[in-house]
Amino acid sequence: MIPGVTLGGITLIVLAIVIDLVVGDPRSLPHPVVLIGRFISAFERLWNRGTAQQRRVSGFMLTIFVVGGVWSISWLLLILLAALHPGLALIAELWLLSTTLAIKGLGDAATAVIKPLTQGDLPAARKALGMIVGRDTQTLGEAEITRGTVETVAENTVDGITAPLFFALIGGAPLALAYKAVNTLDSMVGYKNQRYADFGFASAKLDDVANWIPARVTALCLWLVGLLLDVSGVLNLRWKGALSGTCRDAPRHPSPNAGWPEAMVARLLGVQLGGSNVYQGVVSQRATLGEPLEVLQVTHIKATVRLMHGAWILFMVLSVVVIAGLSFIFKGLL
């Protein structure tokens, strides 16, 4: 029951997208990522000790154990359910695929900031932003609240949507869940601080590798969608020069991948992202992305959400075409 790039597999993924758009992640249902996170936390407490070298080895073992375990368990589950009844495996695969996506969740998170910001309720907007970012939000004004939201939506278009779709198209729910395990590991132990610099080294590097293609293809999709929205008159976007500008800006981001969607969105909107953030009272300075041609405001969040939706749709279409084409070529060679 691993779909791959077949008509049935693509249909399953499309249905999973529909489920995510309609249902999202209801709290009443168990979520695989939550279970993965609990497992990581338990083993981090047990294994994150010793010398720097010992921590690196333990972190490497945890990464292999978690990612390999998630893939193996989900694959075996689908095989066992298929043996009982094909319908059970289909239902399970649909549910598992839908849990790897965050289209509705990301859109809802942006809306939760847009509503109070539109009404001038900065305390409520700061609180809503604080639910989706790690930076301190207590004193942020409209421009900084907007910046935080735009950056989050742009970055998570990859982590929460296009990358899971990419791996689902290649290897179905097991591979998509394995990617989410990689992503969860990075978000929990992939920090460059005293506690995790060594233990989370393998997790951070694997996340960089996993997101390398999706991040860059997503940036290209954002540009193509921006071009279409601008030409059609839906949004006034600055797509001319956005590609070259993104290629210059993206490498300055601390992440080798997050800078690509963020820089592209900044260029398309004509705003500047990055700069100073405060984390638990400590100021962190990041390189700026884009140019401040416009003052950041709530309309830029709305535009970013539109770009997000257009990008994942185009990403899905392009991925199916490319992977199906490669599959056809390889079958012809065999």
Protein backbone atom coordinates (compact mmCIF):
# COMPACT_ATOMS: atom_id res chain seq x y z
CA MET A 1 0.00 0.00 0.00
CA ILE A 2 2.75 2.43 -0.91
CA PRO A 3 1.19 4.68 -3.59
CA GLY A 4 4.21 6.02 -5.43
CA VAL A 5 3.51 7.87 -8.64
CA THR A 6 0.51 5.92 -9.88
CA LEU A 7 -2.99 7.11 -10.65
CA GLY A 8 -4.24 5.47 -7.46
CA GLY A 9 -1.41 6.93 -5.41
CA ILE A 10 -1.97 10.44 -6.72
CA THR A 11 -5.68 10.09 -6.04
CA LEU A 12 -4.93 9.10 -2.44
CA ILE A 13 -2.71 12.14 -1.98
CA VAL A 14 -5.33 14.46 -3.48
CA LEU A 15 -7.96 13.01 -1.14
CA ALA A 16 -5.58 13.48 1.80
CA ILE A 17 -5.19 17.14 0.77
CA VAL A 18 -8.97 17.51 0.74
CA ILE A 19 -9.20 15.95 4.22
CA ASP A 20 -6.57 18.35 5.54
CA LEU A 21 -8.29 21.36 3.96
CA VAL A 22 -11.65 20.39 5.46
CA VAL A 23 -10.70 18.84 8.80
CA GLY A 24 -7.16 19.96 9.54
CA ASP A 25 -5.70 18.45 12.71
CA PRO A 26 -8.55 17.91 15.18
CA ARG A 27 -7.28 17.72 18.75
CA SER A 28 -9.66 14.86 19.51
CA LEU A 29 -7.65 12.50 17.28
CA PRO A 30 -4.14 11.20 18.03
CA HIS A 31 -1.48 12.79 15.85
CA PRO A 32 1.62 10.84 14.73
CA VAL A 33 3.86 13.90 15.06
CA VAL A 34 2.85 14.29 18.73
CA LEU A 35 3.75 10.65 19.38
CA ILE A 36 7.06 11.09 17.53
CA GLY A 37 7.79 14.17 19.65
CA ARG A 38 7.15 12.32 22.90
CA PHE A 39 9.45 9.52 21.80
CA ILE A 40 12.22 12.00 20.93
CA SER A 41 11.84 13.80 24.27
CA ALA A 42 12.11 10.56 26.24
CA PHE A 43 15.26 9.39 24.46
CA GLU A 44 16.82 12.86 24.47
CA ARG A 45 16.71 12.83 28.27
CA LEU A 46 18.36 9.40 28.36
CA TRP A 47 20.96 9.78 25.59
CA ASN A 48 21.98 13.47 25.56
CA ARG A 49 24.93 13.14 27.93
CA GLY A 50 28.65 12.47 27.98
CA THR A 51 31.41 14.05 25.91
CA ALA A 52 30.81 16.01 22.71
CA GLN A 53 31.77 12.97 20.63
CA GLN A 54 29.47 10.69 22.64
CA ARG A 55 26.61 13.16 22.16
CA ARG A 56 27.17 13.21 18.39
CA VAL A 57 27.12 9.42 18.24
CA SER A 58 23.99 9.24 20.41
CA GLY A 59 22.29 11.91 18.32
CA PHE A 60 23.14 10.03 15.13
CA MET A 61 21.69 6.83 16.61
CA LEU A 62 18.53 8.67 17.67
CA THR A 63 18.09 10.12 14.18
CA ILE A 64 18.44 6.72 12.48
CA PHE A 65 16.28 5.04 15.12
CA VAL A 66 13.43 7.57 14.91
CA VAL A 67 13.35 8.08 11.13
CA GLY A 68 13.87 4.40 10.31
CA GLY A 69 11.42 3.34 12.99
CA VAL A 70 8.67 5.67 11.79
CA TRP A 71 9.04 4.47 8.20
CA SER A 72 9.15 0.79 9.22
CA ILE A 73 6.20 0.93 11.59
CA SER A 74 3.96 2.84 9.18
CA TRP A 75 4.92 0.57 6.26
CA LEU A 76 4.29 -2.58 8.34
CA LEU A 77 0.98 -1.19 9.61
CA LEU A 78 -0.27 -0.63 6.07
CA ILE A 79 0.89 -4.08 4.97
CA LEU A 80 -0.91 -5.75 7.89
CA LEU A 81 -4.11 -3.77 7.33
CA ALA A 82 -4.03 -4.60 3.62
CA ALA A 83 -3.80 -8.29 4.53
CA LEU A 84 -6.92 -7.93 6.68
CA HIS A 85 -8.86 -5.83 4.13
CA PRO A 86 -7.70 -3.43 1.40
CA GLY A 87 -10.26 -0.86 2.55
CA LEU A 88 -8.67 -0.67 6.01
CA ALA A 89 -5.28 0.07 4.47
CA LEU A 90 -6.77 2.77 2.23
CA ILE A 91 -8.44 4.50 5.17
CA ALA A 92 -5.27 4.30 7.27
CA GLU A 93 -3.11 5.63 4.44
CA LEU A 94 -5.48 8.52 3.83
CA TRP A 95 -5.42 9.47 7.50
CA LEU A 96 -1.65 9.13 7.80
CA LEU A 97 -1.06 11.21 4.66
CA SER A 98 -3.42 13.94 5.87
CA THR A 99 -1.54 14.19 9.19
CA THR A 100 1.68 15.08 7.35
CA LEU A 101 0.06 18.18 5.82
CA ALA A 102 -0.64 21.54 7.47
CA ILE A 103 -2.39 23.52 4.74
CA LYS A 104 -5.47 24.36 6.81
CA GLY A 105 -3.47 24.77 10.00
CA LEU A 106 -1.05 27.24 8.43
CA GLY A 107 -3.87 29.22 6.84
CA ASP A 108 -5.81 29.28 10.12
CA ALA A 109 -2.71 30.43 12.02
CA ALA A 110 -2.29 33.34 9.62
CA THR A 111 -5.99 34.21 9.88
CA ALA A 112 -5.71 34.22 13.68
CA VAL A 113 -3.18 37.06 13.33
CA ILE A 114 -4.96 38.85 10.48
CA LYS A 115 -8.28 39.28 12.30
CA PRO A 116 -7.05 41.19 15.40
CA LEU A 117 -4.45 43.06 13.37
CA THR A 118 -7.17 44.33 11.04
CA GLN A 119 -9.17 45.48 14.05
CA GLY A 120 -6.15 47.24 15.57
CA ASP A 121 -6.04 44.81 18.49
CA LEU A 122 -2.25 44.49 18.82
CA PRO A 123 -2.27 42.50 22.12
CA ALA A 124 -4.45 39.80 20.53
CA ALA A 125 -2.33 39.81 17.36
CA ARG A 126 0.85 39.45 19.43
CA LYS A 127 -0.67 36.52 21.31
CA ALA A 128 -1.72 34.82 18.08
CA LEU A 129 1.75 35.29 16.59
CA GLY A 130 3.31 33.93 19.77
CA MET A 131 1.49 30.65 19.15
CA ILE A 132 3.42 30.02 15.92
CA VAL A 133 6.87 31.59 16.46
CA GLY A 134 9.60 31.20 19.06
CA ARG A 135 10.51 34.89 19.29
CA ASP A 136 9.26 37.27 21.98
CA THR A 137 6.14 39.07 20.74
CA GLN A 138 5.03 41.15 23.75
CA THR A 139 6.21 44.52 22.42
CA LEU A 140 5.92 44.08 18.65
CA GLY A 141 4.12 46.65 16.49
CA GLU A 142 2.05 45.99 13.36
CA ALA A 143 5.04 45.84 11.01
CA GLU A 144 6.96 43.36 13.18
CA ILE A 145 3.87 41.22 13.77
CA THR A 146 3.34 41.15 10.02
CA ARG A 147 6.96 40.27 9.41
CA GLY A 148 6.83 37.35 11.84
CA THR A 149 3.66 36.00 10.26
CA VAL A 150 4.89 36.36 6.68
CA GLU A 151 8.19 34.66 7.55
CA THR A 152 6.40 31.79 9.28
CA VAL A 153 3.92 31.19 6.45
CA ALA A 154 6.68 31.36 3.83
CA GLU A 155 9.03 28.97 5.65
CA ASN A 156 6.32 26.51 6.64
CA THR A 157 4.98 26.34 3.10
CA VAL A 158 7.93 23.97 2.65
CA ASP A 159 8.02 22.17 6.02
CA GLY A 160 4.26 21.80 6.37
CA ILE A 161 3.08 21.37 2.78
CA THR A 162 5.36 20.98 -0.22
CA ALA A 163 8.06 18.77 1.33
CA PRO A 164 5.54 16.25 2.75
CA LEU A 165 3.81 16.21 -0.66
CA PHE A 166 7.15 15.62 -2.38
CA PHE A 167 7.99 12.60 -0.23
CA ALA A 168 4.41 11.29 -0.34
CA LEU A 169 4.58 11.26 -4.13
CA ILE A 170 7.83 9.30 -4.03
CA GLY A 171 7.05 6.82 -1.25
CA GLY A 172 3.52 7.25 0.06
CA ALA A 173 2.57 7.73 3.69
CA PRO A 174 5.61 5.88 5.15
CA LEU A 175 8.11 8.20 3.46
CA ALA A 176 6.01 11.31 4.16
CA LEU A 177 5.88 10.33 7.84
CA ALA A 178 9.62 9.65 7.83
CA TYR A 179 10.10 13.21 6.55
CA LYS A 180 7.90 14.54 9.37
CA ALA A 181 10.09 12.59 11.80
CA VAL A 182 13.16 14.33 10.34
CA ASN A 183 11.42 17.68 10.60
CA THR A 184 10.31 17.02 14.19
CA LEU A 185 13.81 15.96 15.21
CA ASP A 186 15.24 19.16 13.80
CA SER A 187 12.63 21.32 15.52
CA MET A 188 13.32 19.65 18.88
CA VAL A 189 17.06 18.97 18.98
CA GLY A 190 18.51 20.70 15.91
CA TYR A 191 19.59 23.86 17.72
CA LYS A 192 23.11 25.29 17.75
CA ASN A 193 23.26 25.83 21.49
CA GLN A 194 25.22 24.20 24.29
CA ARG A 195 22.65 21.48 24.91
CA TYR A 196 21.96 20.42 21.33
CA ALA A 197 24.91 21.51 19.14
CA ASP A 198 26.41 18.02 19.20
CA PHE A 199 23.41 15.83 20.03
CA GLY A 200 21.26 17.44 17.33
CA PHE A 201 23.99 17.68 14.68
CA ALA A 202 22.83 14.64 12.68
CA SER A 203 19.17 15.65 12.89
CA ALA A 204 19.88 19.18 11.65
CA LYS A 205 22.02 17.95 8.74
CA LEU A 206 19.44 15.36 7.66
CA ASP A 207 16.73 18.02 7.73
CA ASP A 208 18.92 20.24 5.53
CA VAL A 209 19.29 17.41 3.01
CA ALA A 210 15.60 16.47 3.07
CA ASN A 211 14.44 20.04 2.41
CA TRP A 212 17.06 20.98 -0.19
CA ILE A 213 15.01 20.16 -3.30
CA PRO A 214 11.53 21.07 -1.93
CA ALA A 215 12.73 24.50 -0.70
CA ARG A 216 14.16 25.54 -4.04
CA VAL A 217 11.30 24.14 -6.12
CA THR A 218 8.84 25.86 -3.78
CA ALA A 219 10.62 29.19 -4.30
CA LEU A 220 10.30 28.69 -8.06
CA CYS A 221 6.60 27.84 -7.68
CA LEU A 222 6.07 30.96 -5.57
CA TRP A 223 7.65 33.04 -8.33
CA LEU A 224 5.49 31.43 -11.05
CA VAL A 225 2.34 31.95 -8.97
CA GLY A 226 3.41 35.53 -8.29
CA LEU A 227 3.81 36.11 -12.00
CA LEU A 228 0.36 34.65 -12.73
CA LEU A 229 -1.35 36.64 -9.96
CA ASP A 230 0.31 39.87 -11.07
CA VAL A 231 -0.40 39.42 -14.78
CA SER A 232 -4.01 38.47 -14.05
CA GLY A 233 -4.44 41.58 -11.89
CA VAL A 234 -5.31 39.65 -8.72
CA LEU A 235 -2.33 41.03 -6.79
CA ASN A 236 0.26 43.70 -7.46
CA LEU A 237 3.50 41.74 -7.13
CA ARG A 238 7.09 42.44 -8.09
CA TRP A 239 8.01 39.26 -9.95
CA LYS A 240 10.51 40.97 -12.26
CA GLY A 241 13.94 40.49 -10.73
CA ALA A 242 12.57 38.32 -7.93
CA LEU A 243 14.43 35.23 -9.13
CA SER A 244 17.85 36.87 -9.23
CA GLY A 245 17.14 38.73 -5.99
CA THR A 246 16.20 35.50 -4.23
CA CYS A 247 19.37 33.80 -5.45
CA ARG A 248 21.37 36.63 -3.85
CA ASP A 249 19.39 36.83 -0.61
CA ALA A 250 18.64 33.19 0.25
CA PRO A 251 22.24 32.10 1.03
CA ARG A 252 22.44 34.82 3.73
CA HIS A 253 19.74 33.08 5.79
CA PRO A 254 21.03 30.94 8.72
CA SER A 255 19.16 27.97 7.25
CA PRO A 256 20.32 26.64 3.87
CA ASN A 257 16.69 26.08 2.90
CA ALA A 258 14.34 28.44 4.77
CA GLY A 259 15.87 31.47 3.06
CA TRP A 260 14.56 30.43 -0.36
CA PRO A 261 10.80 30.71 0.23
CA GLU A 262 11.26 33.66 2.61
CA ALA A 263 13.46 35.60 0.19
CA MET A 264 11.11 34.91 -2.71
CA VAL A 265 8.06 36.11 -0.77
CA ALA A 266 9.96 39.21 0.34
CA ARG A 267 10.93 40.01 -3.25
CA LEU A 268 7.43 39.42 -4.61
CA LEU A 269 5.81 41.61 -1.95
CA GLY A 270 8.45 44.32 -2.11
CA VAL A 271 9.13 44.13 1.63
CA GLN A 272 12.12 43.37 3.81
CA LEU A 273 12.15 40.29 6.04
CA GLY A 274 14.76 39.24 8.58
CA GLY A 275 16.56 41.63 10.91
CA SER A 276 16.36 41.67 14.71
CA ASN A 277 14.40 39.10 16.71
CA VAL A 278 14.32 38.68 20.47
CA TYR A 279 14.32 35.20 22.03
CA GLN A 280 13.74 35.06 25.79
CA GLY A 281 15.14 38.56 26.13
CA VAL A 282 18.22 37.91 23.97
CA VAL A 283 18.52 39.84 20.71
CA SER A 284 19.34 37.78 17.62
CA GLN A 285 20.37 39.59 14.45
CA ARG A 286 19.64 37.95 11.10
CA ALA A 287 20.50 39.06 7.59
CA THR A 288 17.76 40.95 5.81
CA LEU A 289 15.94 39.50 2.81
CA GLY A 290 14.38 41.65 0.09
CA GLU A 291 14.11 45.43 -0.03
CA PRO A 292 11.81 47.69 2.07
CA LEU A 293 9.88 49.13 -0.90
CA GLU A 294 6.64 48.88 1.11
CA VAL A 295 5.88 49.16 4.82
CA LEU A 296 4.85 45.79 6.23
CA GLN A 297 1.11 45.65 6.97
CA VAL A 298 -1.71 43.15 7.26
CA THR A 299 -2.38 43.05 3.50
CA HIS A 300 1.03 41.42 3.06
CA ILE A 301 -0.05 38.49 5.25
CA LYS A 302 -3.14 37.99 3.08
CA ALA A 303 -1.00 38.08 -0.05
CA THR A 304 1.43 35.55 1.44
CA VAL A 305 -1.41 33.13 2.18
CA ARG A 306 -2.55 33.41 -1.45
CA LEU A 307 0.97 32.75 -2.63
CA MET A 308 1.18 29.76 -0.30
CA HIS A 309 -1.96 28.15 -1.73
CA GLY A 310 -0.93 28.81 -5.30
CA ALA A 311 2.57 27.45 -4.66
CA TRP A 312 1.52 24.11 -3.19
CA ILE A 313 -0.99 23.52 -5.98
CA LEU A 314 1.63 24.25 -8.64
CA PHE A 315 4.24 22.23 -6.72
CA MET A 316 1.89 19.24 -6.70
CA VAL A 317 1.28 19.49 -10.43
CA LEU A 318 4.96 19.91 -11.33
CA SER A 319 6.06 17.09 -9.00
CA VAL A 320 3.59 14.65 -10.53
CA VAL A 321 4.69 15.55 -14.05
CA VAL A 322 8.43 15.32 -13.30
CA ILE A 323 8.36 12.15 -11.19
CA ALA A 324 5.96 10.43 -13.57
CA GLY A 325 8.23 11.38 -16.46
CA LEU A 326 11.29 9.98 -14.67
CA SER A 327 9.40 6.78 -13.85
CA PHE A 328 8.47 6.39 -17.51
CA ILE A 329 12.10 6.88 -18.59
CA PHE A 330 13.44 4.37 -16.08
CA LYS A 331 10.83 1.78 -17.05
CA GLY A 332 11.85 2.22 -20.68
CA LEU A 333 15.51 1.61 -19.79
CA LEU A 334 14.80 -1.57 -17.82
